[in-house]
Amino acid sequence: MPSETKVSLQDLETAKAELQRVEDRWENYSGNNPNKFVSQRDAARSRVESLTRTLKAQGDLPMTGHEALCAELDRLAPNARHNDVIEHDGARYKRLFSPARTSLSGKTVTEWDRTWQEI
């Protein structure tokens, strides 16, 4: 999402409806191609996740406690790499990355999950 455009809750609802439409098409598909609609489903899921992250960053959706902590730690250490440790409010946190999405073959990571873990 471009940072200069503000997204709305209506955008998220529209994206969720599109995701549901694609999921329904997949459920109703009776063909023999297990990869049918994979790219459409992935694109729709990515859009919903992106809009949700943006709305939480804008403050339009509430963040969980862990999400708020991760946002604060990301602000303090924006270039932290895997297993980097920082200290915040007397606690130590380690940056972790894990595969969020892979290619169809499963060999290539196309998107990474980023989180912080207290140590």
PDB file of N, CA and C in Angstrom:
ATOM      1  N   MET A   1       0.837  -1.176   0.000  1.00  0.00           N
ATOM      2  CA  MET A   1       0.000   0.000   0.000  1.00  0.00           C
ATOM      3  C   MET A   1       0.885   1.244   0.000  1.00  0.00           C
ATOM      4  N   PRO A   2       0.628   2.174  -0.877  1.00  0.00           N
ATOM      5  CA  PRO A   2       1.376   3.424  -0.823  1.00  0.00           C
ATOM      6  C   PRO A   2       1.060   4.160   0.471  1.00  0.00           C
ATOM      7  N   SER A   3       2.094   4.724   1.085  1.00  0.00           N
ATOM      8  CA  SER A   3       1.903   5.336   2.392  1.00  0.00           C
ATOM      9  C   SER A   3       1.125   6.648   2.323  1.00  0.00           C
ATOM     10  N   GLU A   4       1.102   7.308   1.148  1.00  0.00           N
ATOM     11  CA  GLU A   4       0.415   8.587   1.066  1.00  0.00           C
ATOM     12  C   GLU A   4      -1.105   8.434   0.939  1.00  0.00           C
ATOM     13  N   THR A   5      -1.601   7.267   0.603  1.00  0.00           N
ATOM     14  CA  THR A   5      -3.043   7.084   0.505  1.00  0.00           C
ATOM     15  C   THR A   5      -3.554   6.437   1.783  1.00  0.00           C
ATOM     16  N   LYS A   6      -4.581   7.026   2.340  1.00  0.00           N
ATOM     17  CA  LYS A   6      -5.183   6.502   3.556  1.00  0.00           C
ATOM     18  C   LYS A   6      -6.237   5.477   3.161  1.00  0.00           C
ATOM     19  N   VAL A   7      -6.155   4.303   3.770  1.00  0.00           N
ATOM     20  CA  VAL A   7      -7.141   3.270   3.485  1.00  0.00           C
ATOM     21  C   VAL A   7      -8.238   3.345   4.532  1.00  0.00           C
ATOM     22  N   SER A   8      -9.396   2.803   4.175  1.00  0.00           N
ATOM     23  CA  SER A   8     -10.535   2.869   5.083  1.00  0.00           C
ATOM     24  C   SER A   8     -11.004   1.461   5.432  1.00  0.00           C
ATOM     25  N   LEU A   9     -11.870   1.395   6.418  1.00  0.00           N
ATOM     26  CA  LEU A   9     -12.469   0.122   6.794  1.00  0.00           C
ATOM     27  C   LEU A   9     -13.295  -0.443   5.646  1.00  0.00           C
ATOM     28  N   GLN A  10     -13.860   0.426   4.819  1.00  0.00           N
ATOM     29  CA  GLN A  10     -14.631  -0.017   3.652  1.00  0.00           C
ATOM     30  C   GLN A  10     -13.723  -0.755   2.671  1.00  0.00           C
ATOM     31  N   ASP A  11     -12.483  -0.281   2.503  1.00  0.00           N
ATOM     32  CA  ASP A  11     -11.522  -0.968   1.640  1.00  0.00           C
ATOM     33  C   ASP A  11     -11.262  -2.380   2.149  1.00  0.00           C
ATOM     34  N   LEU A  12     -11.131  -2.514   3.468  1.00  0.00           N
ATOM     35  CA  LEU A  12     -10.896  -3.830   4.059  1.00  0.00           C
ATOM     36  C   LEU A  12     -12.106  -4.739   3.846  1.00  0.00           C
ATOM     37  N   GLU A  13     -13.300  -4.229   4.041  1.00  0.00           N
ATOM     38  CA  GLU A  13     -14.508  -5.036   3.834  1.00  0.00           C
ATOM     39  C   GLU A  13     -14.620  -5.487   2.374  1.00  0.00           C
ATOM     40  N   THR A  14     -14.288  -4.598   1.454  1.00  0.00           N
ATOM     41  CA  THR A  14     -14.313  -4.951   0.029  1.00  0.00           C
ATOM     42  C   THR A  14     -13.299  -6.057  -0.265  1.00  0.00           C
ATOM     43  N   ALA A  15     -12.105  -5.943   0.312  1.00  0.00           N
ATOM     44  CA  ALA A  15     -11.070  -6.956   0.103  1.00  0.00           C
ATOM     45  C   ALA A  15     -11.486  -8.296   0.710  1.00  0.00           C
ATOM     46  N   LYS A  16     -12.116  -8.260   1.882  1.00  0.00           N
ATOM     47  CA  LYS A  16     -12.595  -9.499   2.509  1.00  0.00           C
ATOM     48  C   LYS A  16     -13.685 -10.155   1.658  1.00  0.00           C
ATOM     49  N   ALA A  17     -14.563  -9.343   1.074  1.00  0.00           N
ATOM     50  CA  ALA A  17     -15.616  -9.881   0.209  1.00  0.00           C
ATOM     51  C   ALA A  17     -15.001 -10.529  -1.033  1.00  0.00           C
ATOM     52  N   GLU A  18     -13.973  -9.908  -1.588  1.00  0.00           N
ATOM     53  CA  GLU A  18     -13.295 -10.477  -2.755  1.00  0.00           C
ATOM     54  C   GLU A  18     -12.613 -11.794  -2.381  1.00  0.00           C
ATOM     55  N   LEU A  19     -11.971 -11.835  -1.222  1.00  0.00           N
ATOM     56  CA  LEU A  19     -11.344 -13.070  -0.757  1.00  0.00           C
ATOM     57  C   LEU A  19     -12.393 -14.168  -0.592  1.00  0.00           C
ATOM     58  N   GLN A  20     -13.523 -13.835  -0.023  1.00  0.00           N
ATOM     59  CA  GLN A  20     -14.590 -14.823   0.155  1.00  0.00           C
ATOM     60  C   GLN A  20     -15.106 -15.324  -1.190  1.00  0.00           C
ATOM     61  N   ARG A  21     -15.226 -14.403  -2.162  1.00  0.00           N
ATOM     62  CA  ARG A  21     -15.686 -14.788  -3.500  1.00  0.00           C
ATOM     63  C   ARG A  21     -14.710 -15.773  -4.146  1.00  0.00           C
ATOM     64  N   VAL A  22     -13.411 -15.502  -4.015  1.00  0.00           N
ATOM     65  CA  VAL A  22     -12.400 -16.398  -4.587  1.00  0.00           C
ATOM     66  C   VAL A  22     -12.400 -17.740  -3.855  1.00  0.00           C
ATOM     67  N   GLU A  23     -12.529 -17.714  -2.519  1.00  0.00           N
ATOM     68  CA  GLU A  23     -12.592 -18.962  -1.750  1.00  0.00           C
ATOM     69  C   GLU A  23     -13.820 -19.791  -2.147  1.00  0.00           C
ATOM     70  N   ASP A  24     -14.945 -19.120  -2.361  1.00  0.00           N
ATOM     71  CA  ASP A  24     -16.149 -19.827  -2.788  1.00  0.00           C
ATOM     72  C   ASP A  24     -15.964 -20.459  -4.159  1.00  0.00           C
ATOM     73  N   ARG A  25     -15.302 -19.732  -5.064  1.00  0.00           N
ATOM     74  CA  ARG A  25     -15.030 -20.293  -6.391  1.00  0.00           C
ATOM     75  C   ARG A  25     -14.177 -21.547  -6.262  1.00  0.00           C
ATOM     76  N   TRP A  26     -13.185 -21.518  -5.379  1.00  0.00           N
ATOM     77  CA  TRP A  26     -12.326 -22.680  -5.165  1.00  0.00           C
ATOM     78  C   TRP A  26     -13.131 -23.839  -4.577  1.00  0.00           C
ATOM     79  N   GLU A  27     -13.984 -23.563  -3.608  1.00  0.00           N
ATOM     80  CA  GLU A  27     -14.790 -24.615  -2.985  1.00  0.00           C
ATOM     81  C   GLU A  27     -15.752 -25.258  -3.986  1.00  0.00           C
ATOM     82  N   ASN A  28     -16.257 -24.467  -4.920  1.00  0.00           N
ATOM     83  CA  ASN A  28     -17.219 -24.981  -5.885  1.00  0.00           C
ATOM     84  C   ASN A  28     -16.576 -25.556  -7.140  1.00  0.00           C
ATOM     85  N   TYR A  29     -15.254 -25.501  -7.230  1.00  0.00           N
ATOM     86  CA  TYR A  29     -14.536 -26.012  -8.397  1.00  0.00           C
ATOM     87  C   TYR A  29     -14.505 -27.530  -8.329  1.00  0.00           C
ATOM     88  N   SER A  30     -14.922 -28.184  -9.400  1.00  0.00           N
ATOM     89  CA  SER A  30     -14.967 -29.640  -9.409  1.00  0.00           C
ATOM     90  C   SER A  30     -13.970 -30.242 -10.397  1.00  0.00           C
ATOM     91  N   GLY A  31     -13.070 -29.435 -10.888  1.00  0.00           N
ATOM     92  CA  GLY A  31     -12.082 -29.919 -11.852  1.00  0.00           C
ATOM     93  C   GLY A  31     -10.960 -30.703 -11.186  1.00  0.00           C
ATOM     94  N   ASN A  32      -9.966 -31.038 -11.999  1.00  0.00           N
ATOM     95  CA  ASN A  32      -8.882 -31.885 -11.540  1.00  0.00           C
ATOM     96  C   ASN A  32      -7.567 -31.115 -11.394  1.00  0.00           C
ATOM     97  N   ASN A  33      -7.616 -29.798 -11.293  1.00  0.00           N
ATOM     98  CA  ASN A  33      -6.414 -28.990 -11.163  1.00  0.00           C
ATOM     99  C   ASN A  33      -6.302 -28.483  -9.726  1.00  0.00           C
ATOM    100  N   PRO A  34      -5.409 -29.070  -8.921  1.00  0.00           N
ATOM    101  CA  PRO A  34      -5.304 -28.645  -7.520  1.00  0.00           C
ATOM    102  C   PRO A  34      -4.747 -27.233  -7.358  1.00  0.00           C
ATOM    103  N   ASN A  35      -4.154 -26.687  -8.409  1.00  0.00           N
ATOM    104  CA  ASN A  35      -3.561 -25.356  -8.330  1.00  0.00           C
ATOM    105  C   ASN A  35      -4.470 -24.269  -8.877  1.00  0.00           C
ATOM    106  N   LYS A  36      -5.682 -24.638  -9.213  1.00  0.00           N
ATOM    107  CA  LYS A  36      -6.628 -23.664  -9.744  1.00  0.00           C
ATOM    108  C   LYS A  36      -6.909 -22.591  -8.695  1.00  0.00           C
ATOM    109  N   PHE A  37      -6.916 -21.349  -9.110  1.00  0.00           N
ATOM    110  CA  PHE A  37      -7.226 -20.192  -8.262  1.00  0.00           C
ATOM    111  C   PHE A  37      -6.167 -19.908  -7.194  1.00  0.00           C
ATOM    112  N   VAL A  38      -5.006 -20.574  -7.232  1.00  0.00           N
ATOM    113  CA  VAL A  38      -3.988 -20.340  -6.201  1.00  0.00           C
ATOM    114  C   VAL A  38      -3.506 -18.901  -6.234  1.00  0.00           C
ATOM    115  N   SER A  39      -3.200 -18.384  -7.394  1.00  0.00           N
ATOM    116  CA  SER A  39      -2.680 -17.023  -7.463  1.00  0.00           C
ATOM    117  C   SER A  39      -3.740 -16.001  -7.050  1.00  0.00           C
ATOM    118  N   GLN A  40      -4.997 -16.221  -7.428  1.00  0.00           N
ATOM    119  CA  GLN A  40      -6.057 -15.303  -7.025  1.00  0.00           C
ATOM    120  C   GLN A  40      -6.270 -15.337  -5.514  1.00  0.00           C
ATOM    121  N   ARG A  41      -6.225 -16.534  -4.922  1.00  0.00           N
ATOM    122  CA  ARG A  41      -6.399 -16.649  -3.473  1.00  0.00           C
ATOM    123  C   ARG A  41      -5.242 -15.990  -2.741  1.00  0.00           C
ATOM    124  N   ASP A  42      -4.019 -16.229  -3.206  1.00  0.00           N
ATOM    125  CA  ASP A  42      -2.859 -15.613  -2.567  1.00  0.00           C
ATOM    126  C   ASP A  42      -2.909 -14.098  -2.670  1.00  0.00           C
ATOM    127  N   ALA A  43      -3.285 -13.591  -3.826  1.00  0.00           N
ATOM    128  CA  ALA A  43      -3.359 -12.140  -4.010  1.00  0.00           C
ATOM    129  C   ALA A  43      -4.441 -11.538  -3.109  1.00  0.00           C
ATOM    130  N   ALA A  44      -5.586 -12.200  -3.010  1.00  0.00           N
ATOM    131  CA  ALA A  44      -6.676 -11.697  -2.170  1.00  0.00           C
ATOM    132  C   ALA A  44      -6.285 -11.739  -0.689  1.00  0.00           C
ATOM    133  N   ARG A  45      -5.627 -12.818  -0.263  1.00  0.00           N
ATOM    134  CA  ARG A  45      -5.176 -12.915   1.134  1.00  0.00           C
ATOM    135  C   ARG A  45      -4.140 -11.842   1.442  1.00  0.00           C
ATOM    136  N   SER A  46      -3.212 -11.645   0.523  1.00  0.00           N
ATOM    137  CA  SER A  46      -2.182 -10.627   0.725  1.00  0.00           C
ATOM    138  C   SER A  46      -2.796  -9.234   0.848  1.00  0.00           C
ATOM    139  N   ARG A  47      -3.798  -8.974   0.037  1.00  0.00           N
ATOM    140  CA  ARG A  47      -4.456  -7.658   0.083  1.00  0.00           C
ATOM    141  C   ARG A  47      -5.147  -7.441   1.426  1.00  0.00           C
ATOM    142  N   VAL A  48      -5.860  -8.457   1.915  1.00  0.00           N
ATOM    143  CA  VAL A  48      -6.531  -8.347   3.209  1.00  0.00           C
ATOM    144  C   VAL A  48      -5.500  -8.134   4.323  1.00  0.00           C
ATOM    145  N   GLU A  49      -4.416  -8.910   4.296  1.00  0.00           N
ATOM    146  CA  GLU A  49      -3.378  -8.765   5.325  1.00  0.00           C
ATOM    147  C   GLU A  49      -2.728  -7.391   5.263  1.00  0.00           C
ATOM    148  N   SER A  50      -2.448  -6.913   4.055  1.00  0.00           N
ATOM    149  CA  SER A  50      -1.825  -5.600   3.889  1.00  0.00           C
ATOM    150  C   SER A  50      -2.736  -4.486   4.397  1.00  0.00           C
ATOM    151  N   LEU A  51      -4.013  -4.550   4.034  1.00  0.00           N
ATOM    152  CA  LEU A  51      -4.960  -3.535   4.491  1.00  0.00           C
ATOM    153  C   LEU A  51      -5.126  -3.573   6.010  1.00  0.00           C
ATOM    154  N   THR A  52      -5.150  -4.762   6.584  1.00  0.00           N
ATOM    155  CA  THR A  52      -5.277  -4.894   8.034  1.00  0.00           C
ATOM    156  C   THR A  52      -4.070  -4.274   8.730  1.00  0.00           C
ATOM    157  N   ARG A  53      -2.869  -4.580   8.242  1.00  0.00           N
ATOM    158  CA  ARG A  53      -1.660  -3.982   8.823  1.00  0.00           C
ATOM    159  C   ARG A  53      -1.690  -2.462   8.720  1.00  0.00           C
ATOM    160  N   THR A  54      -2.096  -1.953   7.551  1.00  0.00           N
ATOM    161  CA  THR A  54      -2.145  -0.505   7.347  1.00  0.00           C
ATOM    162  C   THR A  54      -3.168   0.144   8.270  1.00  0.00           C
ATOM    163  N   LEU A  55      -4.346  -0.450   8.396  1.00  0.00           N
ATOM    164  CA  LEU A  55      -5.374   0.109   9.275  1.00  0.00           C
ATOM    165  C   LEU A  55      -4.935   0.092  10.737  1.00  0.00           C
ATOM    166  N   LYS A  56      -4.225  -0.943  11.150  1.00  0.00           N
ATOM    167  CA  LYS A  56      -3.709  -0.986  12.517  1.00  0.00           C
ATOM    168  C   LYS A  56      -2.648   0.083  12.717  1.00  0.00           C
ATOM    169  N   ALA A  57      -1.808   0.291  11.716  1.00  0.00           N
ATOM    170  CA  ALA A  57      -0.772   1.325  11.821  1.00  0.00           C
ATOM    171  C   ALA A  57      -1.401   2.722  11.865  1.00  0.00           C
ATOM    172  N   GLN A  58      -2.494   2.910  11.149  1.00  0.00           N
ATOM    173  CA  GLN A  58      -3.211   4.201  11.151  1.00  0.00           C
ATOM    174  C   GLN A  58      -3.983   4.426  12.437  1.00  0.00           C
ATOM    175  N   GLY A  59      -4.252   3.345  13.180  1.00  0.00           N
ATOM    176  CA  GLY A  59      -5.023   3.463  14.410  1.00  0.00           C
ATOM    177  C   GLY A  59      -6.511   3.231  14.200  1.00  0.00           C
ATOM    178  N   ASP A  60      -6.916   2.832  13.003  1.00  0.00           N
ATOM    179  CA  ASP A  60      -8.335   2.586  12.729  1.00  0.00           C
ATOM    180  C   ASP A  60      -8.805   1.234  13.259  1.00  0.00           C
ATOM    181  N   LEU A  61      -7.882   0.292  13.423  1.00  0.00           N
ATOM    182  CA  LEU A  61      -8.172  -1.001  14.034  1.00  0.00           C
ATOM    183  C   LEU A  61      -7.283  -1.141  15.261  1.00  0.00           C
ATOM    184  N   PRO A  62      -7.803  -1.741  16.333  1.00  0.00           N
ATOM    185  CA  PRO A  62      -6.980  -1.879  17.534  1.00  0.00           C
ATOM    186  C   PRO A  62      -5.897  -2.940  17.343  1.00  0.00           C
ATOM    187  N   MET A  63      -4.732  -2.673  17.935  1.00  0.00           N
ATOM    188  CA  MET A  63      -3.631  -3.635  17.935  1.00  0.00           C
ATOM    189  C   MET A  63      -3.701  -4.464  19.206  1.00  0.00           C
ATOM    190  N   THR A  64      -3.258  -5.707  19.108  1.00  0.00           N
ATOM    191  CA  THR A  64      -3.115  -6.514  20.315  1.00  0.00           C
ATOM    192  C   THR A  64      -1.900  -5.996  21.079  1.00  0.00           C
ATOM    193  N   GLY A  65      -1.739  -6.449  22.288  1.00  0.00           N
ATOM    194  CA  GLY A  65      -0.593  -6.021  23.088  1.00  0.00           C
ATOM    195  C   GLY A  65       0.728  -6.396  22.436  1.00  0.00           C
ATOM    196  N   HIS A  66       0.800  -7.600  21.891  1.00  0.00           N
ATOM    197  CA  HIS A  66       2.029  -8.050  21.231  1.00  0.00           C
ATOM    198  C   HIS A  66       2.301  -7.240  19.962  1.00  0.00           C
ATOM    199  N   GLU A  67       1.259  -6.936  19.199  1.00  0.00           N
ATOM    200  CA  GLU A  67       1.442  -6.131  17.990  1.00  0.00           C
ATOM    201  C   GLU A  67       1.936  -4.722  18.330  1.00  0.00           C
ATOM    202  N   ALA A  68       1.400  -4.147  19.403  1.00  0.00           N
ATOM    203  CA  ALA A  68       1.840  -2.818  19.819  1.00  0.00           C
ATOM    204  C   ALA A  68       3.297  -2.855  20.277  1.00  0.00           C
ATOM    205  N   LEU A  69       3.674  -3.885  21.011  1.00  0.00           N
ATOM    206  CA  LEU A  69       5.056  -4.042  21.443  1.00  0.00           C
ATOM    207  C   LEU A  69       5.984  -4.205  20.243  1.00  0.00           C
ATOM    208  N   CYS A  70       5.587  -5.049  19.286  1.00  0.00           N
ATOM    209  CA  CYS A  70       6.398  -5.250  18.082  1.00  0.00           C
ATOM    210  C   CYS A  70       6.537  -3.952  17.291  1.00  0.00           C
ATOM    211  N   ALA A  71       5.484  -3.165  17.213  1.00  0.00           N
ATOM    212  CA  ALA A  71       5.548  -1.886  16.502  1.00  0.00           C
ATOM    213  C   ALA A  71       6.519  -0.940  17.200  1.00  0.00           C
ATOM    214  N   GLU A  72       6.493  -0.918  18.525  1.00  0.00           N
ATOM    215  CA  GLU A  72       7.417  -0.074  19.279  1.00  0.00           C
ATOM    216  C   GLU A  72       8.862  -0.538  19.081  1.00  0.00           C
ATOM    217  N   LEU A  73       9.086  -1.846  19.143  1.00  0.00           N
ATOM    218  CA  LEU A  73      10.436  -2.372  18.945  1.00  0.00           C
ATOM    219  C   LEU A  73      10.913  -2.143  17.511  1.00  0.00           C
ATOM    220  N   ASP A  74      10.006  -2.250  16.535  1.00  0.00           N
ATOM    221  CA  ASP A  74      10.363  -1.955  15.142  1.00  0.00           C
ATOM    222  C   ASP A  74      10.761  -0.485  14.993  1.00  0.00           C
ATOM    223  N   ARG A  75      10.090   0.376  15.731  1.00  0.00           N
ATOM    224  CA  ARG A  75      10.424   1.799  15.678  1.00  0.00           C
ATOM    225  C   ARG A  75      11.809   2.038  16.281  1.00  0.00           C
ATOM    226  N   LEU A  76      12.117   1.319  17.369  1.00  0.00           N
ATOM    227  CA  LEU A  76      13.415   1.490  18.029  1.00  0.00           C
ATOM    228  C   LEU A  76      14.559   0.869  17.231  1.00  0.00           C
ATOM    229  N   ALA A  77      14.292  -0.243  16.568  1.00  0.00           N
ATOM    230  CA  ALA A  77      15.335  -0.952  15.812  1.00  0.00           C
ATOM    231  C   ALA A  77      14.796  -1.327  14.429  1.00  0.00           C
ATOM    232  N   PRO A  78      14.647  -0.344  13.536  1.00  0.00           N
ATOM    233  CA  PRO A  78      14.024  -0.621  12.241  1.00  0.00           C
ATOM    234  C   PRO A  78      14.837  -1.546  11.332  1.00  0.00           C
ATOM    235  N   ASN A  79      16.147  -1.633  11.539  1.00  0.00           N
ATOM    236  CA  ASN A  79      16.986  -2.460  10.676  1.00  0.00           C
ATOM    237  C   ASN A  79      17.478  -3.720  11.368  1.00  0.00           C
ATOM    238  N   ALA A  80      16.786  -4.157  12.411  1.00  0.00           N
ATOM    239  CA  ALA A  80      17.199  -5.355  13.142  1.00  0.00           C
ATOM    240  C   ALA A  80      17.119  -6.575  12.241  1.00  0.00           C
ATOM    241  N   ARG A  81      18.123  -7.430  12.378  1.00  0.00           N
ATOM    242  CA  ARG A  81      18.175  -8.660  11.593  1.00  0.00           C
ATOM    243  C   ARG A  81      17.802  -9.837  12.477  1.00  0.00           C
ATOM    244  N   HIS A  82      17.684 -11.012  11.875  1.00  0.00           N
ATOM    245  CA  HIS A  82      17.314 -12.226  12.597  1.00  0.00           C
ATOM    246  C   HIS A  82      18.292 -12.462  13.751  1.00  0.00           C
ATOM    247  N   ASN A  83      17.732 -12.737  14.929  1.00  0.00           N
ATOM    248  CA  ASN A  83      18.463 -13.017  16.167  1.00  0.00           C
ATOM    249  C   ASN A  83      19.155 -11.804  16.776  1.00  0.00           C
ATOM    250  N   ASP A  84      18.947 -10.599  16.255  1.00  0.00           N
ATOM    251  CA  ASP A  84      19.458  -9.403  16.920  1.00  0.00           C
ATOM    252  C   ASP A  84      18.688  -9.208  18.223  1.00  0.00           C
ATOM    253  N   VAL A  85      19.371  -8.768  19.258  1.00  0.00           N
ATOM    254  CA  VAL A  85      18.761  -8.587  20.575  1.00  0.00           C
ATOM    255  C   VAL A  85      18.809  -7.112  20.937  1.00  0.00           C
ATOM    256  N   ILE A  86      17.682  -6.603  21.432  1.00  0.00           N
ATOM    257  CA  ILE A  86      17.644  -5.230  21.942  1.00  0.00           C
ATOM    258  C   ILE A  86      17.001  -5.254  23.322  1.00  0.00           C
ATOM    259  N   GLU A  87      17.252  -4.196  24.076  1.00  0.00           N
ATOM    260  CA  GLU A  87      16.663  -4.075  25.402  1.00  0.00           C
ATOM    261  C   GLU A  87      15.668  -2.925  25.388  1.00  0.00           C
ATOM    262  N   HIS A  88      14.505  -3.178  26.003  1.00  0.00           N
ATOM    263  CA  HIS A  88      13.443  -2.169  26.061  1.00  0.00           C
ATOM    264  C   HIS A  88      12.691  -2.342  27.371  1.00  0.00           C
ATOM    265  N   ASP A  89      12.586  -1.276  28.148  1.00  0.00           N
ATOM    266  CA  ASP A  89      11.888  -1.282  29.435  1.00  0.00           C
ATOM    267  C   ASP A  89      12.368  -2.401  30.351  1.00  0.00           C
ATOM    268  N   GLY A  90      13.666  -2.632  30.371  1.00  0.00           N
ATOM    269  CA  GLY A  90      14.240  -3.624  31.273  1.00  0.00           C
ATOM    270  C   GLY A  90      14.116  -5.058  30.798  1.00  0.00           C
ATOM    271  N   ALA A  91      13.552  -5.290  29.645  1.00  0.00           N
ATOM    272  CA  ALA A  91      13.428  -6.646  29.107  1.00  0.00           C
ATOM    273  C   ALA A  91      14.241  -6.737  27.813  1.00  0.00           C
ATOM    274  N   ARG A  92      14.684  -7.932  27.494  1.00  0.00           N
ATOM    275  CA  ARG A  92      15.438  -8.153  26.266  1.00  0.00           C
ATOM    276  C   ARG A  92      14.550  -8.892  25.265  1.00  0.00           C
ATOM    277  N   TYR A  93      14.654  -8.464  24.007  1.00  0.00           N
ATOM    278  CA  TYR A  93      13.842  -9.042  22.934  1.00  0.00           C
ATOM    279  C   TYR A  93      14.733  -9.440  21.777  1.00  0.00           C
ATOM    280  N   LYS A  94      14.391 -10.566  21.166  1.00  0.00           N
ATOM    281  CA  LYS A  94      15.143 -11.083  20.020  1.00  0.00           C
ATOM    282  C   LYS A  94      14.261 -11.003  18.777  1.00  0.00           C
ATOM    283  N   ARG A  95      14.837 -10.502  17.689  1.00  0.00           N
ATOM    284  CA  ARG A  95      14.126 -10.398  16.402  1.00  0.00           C
ATOM    285  C   ARG A  95      14.120 -11.771  15.740  1.00  0.00           C
ATOM    286  N   LEU A  96      12.957 -12.203  15.291  1.00  0.00           N
ATOM    287  CA  LEU A  96      12.824 -13.481  14.603  1.00  0.00           C
ATOM    288  C   LEU A  96      12.107 -13.298  13.276  1.00  0.00           C
ATOM    289  N   PHE A  97      12.578 -14.009  12.276  1.00  0.00           N
ATOM    290  CA  PHE A  97      11.932 -14.065  10.978  1.00  0.00           C
ATOM    291  C   PHE A  97      11.561 -15.523  10.711  1.00  0.00           C
ATOM    292  N   SER A  98      10.405 -15.749  10.095  1.00  0.00           N
ATOM    293  CA  SER A  98       9.999 -17.092   9.699  1.00  0.00           C
ATOM    294  C   SER A  98       9.213 -16.983   8.390  1.00  0.00           C
ATOM    295  N   PRO A  99       9.230 -18.041   7.589  1.00  0.00           N
ATOM    296  CA  PRO A  99       8.504 -17.980   6.316  1.00  0.00           C
ATOM    297  C   PRO A  99       7.001 -17.811   6.538  1.00  0.00           C
ATOM    298  N   ALA A 100       6.418 -16.813   5.898  1.00  0.00           N
ATOM    299  CA  ALA A 100       4.973 -16.600   5.980  1.00  0.00           C
ATOM    300  C   ALA A 100       4.291 -17.206   4.763  1.00  0.00           C
ATOM    301  N   ARG A 101       4.950 -17.114   3.627  1.00  0.00           N
ATOM    302  CA  ARG A 101       4.371 -17.622   2.392  1.00  0.00           C
ATOM    303  C   ARG A 101       5.502 -18.134   1.506  1.00  0.00           C
ATOM    304  N   THR A 102       5.270 -19.260   0.880  1.00  0.00           N
ATOM    305  CA  THR A 102       6.276 -19.833  -0.012  1.00  0.00           C
ATOM    306  C   THR A 102       5.705 -19.979  -1.416  1.00  0.00           C
ATOM    307  N   SER A 103       6.600 -20.270  -2.342  1.00  0.00           N
ATOM    308  CA  SER A 103       6.167 -20.520  -3.714  1.00  0.00           C
ATOM    309  C   SER A 103       5.354 -21.809  -3.753  1.00  0.00           C
ATOM    310  N   LEU A 104       4.777 -22.082  -4.894  1.00  0.00           N
ATOM    311  CA  LEU A 104       3.950 -23.272  -5.043  1.00  0.00           C
ATOM    312  C   LEU A 104       4.747 -24.547  -4.758  1.00  0.00           C
ATOM    313  N   SER A 105       6.022 -24.562  -5.137  1.00  0.00           N
ATOM    314  CA  SER A 105       6.854 -25.738  -4.885  1.00  0.00           C
ATOM    315  C   SER A 105       7.267 -25.829  -3.423  1.00  0.00           C
ATOM    316  N   GLY A 106       7.188 -24.704  -2.712  1.00  0.00           N
ATOM    317  CA  GLY A 106       7.583 -24.685  -1.317  1.00  0.00           C
ATOM    318  C   GLY A 106       9.069 -24.444  -1.119  1.00  0.00           C
ATOM    319  N   LYS A 107       9.798 -24.254  -2.203  1.00  0.00           N
ATOM    320  CA  LYS A 107      11.245 -24.085  -2.108  1.00  0.00           C
ATOM    321  C   LYS A 107      11.680 -22.636  -1.937  1.00  0.00           C
ATOM    322  N   THR A 108      10.867 -21.701  -2.377  1.00  0.00           N
ATOM    323  CA  THR A 108      11.235 -20.291  -2.331  1.00  0.00           C
ATOM    324  C   THR A 108      10.290 -19.536  -1.407  1.00  0.00           C
ATOM    325  N   VAL A 109      10.862 -18.792  -0.484  1.00  0.00           N
ATOM    326  CA  VAL A 109      10.054 -17.974   0.424  1.00  0.00           C
ATOM    327  C   VAL A 109       9.709 -16.683  -0.304  1.00  0.00           C
ATOM    328  N   THR A 110       8.420 -16.375  -0.376  1.00  0.00           N
ATOM    329  CA  THR A 110       7.982 -15.158  -1.059  1.00  0.00           C
ATOM    330  C   THR A 110       7.598 -14.055  -0.084  1.00  0.00           C
ATOM    331  N   GLU A 111       7.359 -14.411   1.175  1.00  0.00           N
ATOM    332  CA  GLU A 111       7.007 -13.416   2.189  1.00  0.00           C
ATOM    333  C   GLU A 111       7.452 -13.933   3.553  1.00  0.00           C
ATOM    334  N   TRP A 112       7.978 -13.022   4.374  1.00  0.00           N
ATOM    335  CA  TRP A 112       8.482 -13.383   5.692  1.00  0.00           C
ATOM    336  C   TRP A 112       7.622 -12.779   6.793  1.00  0.00           C
ATOM    337  N   ASP A 113       7.419 -13.542   7.873  1.00  0.00           N
ATOM    338  CA  ASP A 113       6.809 -13.041   9.101  1.00  0.00           C
ATOM    339  C   ASP A 113       7.916 -12.464   9.958  1.00  0.00           C
ATOM    340  N   ARG A 114       7.659 -11.306  10.557  1.00  0.00           N
ATOM    341  CA  ARG A 114       8.629 -10.659  11.427  1.00  0.00           C
ATOM    342  C   ARG A 114       8.006 -10.506  12.802  1.00  0.00           C
ATOM    343  N   THR A 115       8.725 -10.892  13.828  1.00  0.00           N
ATOM    344  CA  THR A 115       8.210 -10.746  15.182  1.00  0.00           C
ATOM    345  C   THR A 115       9.362 -10.554  16.157  1.00  0.00           C
ATOM    346  N   TRP A 116       9.023 -10.228  17.389  1.00  0.00           N
ATOM    347  CA  TRP A 116       9.980 -10.097  18.464  1.00  0.00           C
ATOM    348  C   TRP A 116       9.591 -11.087  19.558  1.00  0.00           C
ATOM    349  N   GLN A 117      10.596 -11.715  20.165  1.00  0.00           N
ATOM    350  CA  GLN A 117      10.354 -12.668  21.233  1.00  0.00           C
ATOM    351  C   GLN A 117      11.138 -12.227  22.467  1.00  0.00           C
ATOM    352  N   GLU A 118      10.465 -12.219  23.610  1.00  0.00           N
ATOM    353  CA  GLU A 118      11.164 -11.868  24.848  1.00  0.00           C
ATOM    354  C   GLU A 118      12.081 -12.998  25.250  1.00  0.00           C
ATOM    355  N   ILE A 119      13.292 -12.632  25.662  1.00  0.00           N
ATOM    356  CA  ILE A 119      14.251 -13.669  26.104  1.00  0.00           C
ATOM    357  C   ILE A 119      14.661 -13.432  27.540  1.00  0.00           C
TER     358      ILE A 119
END
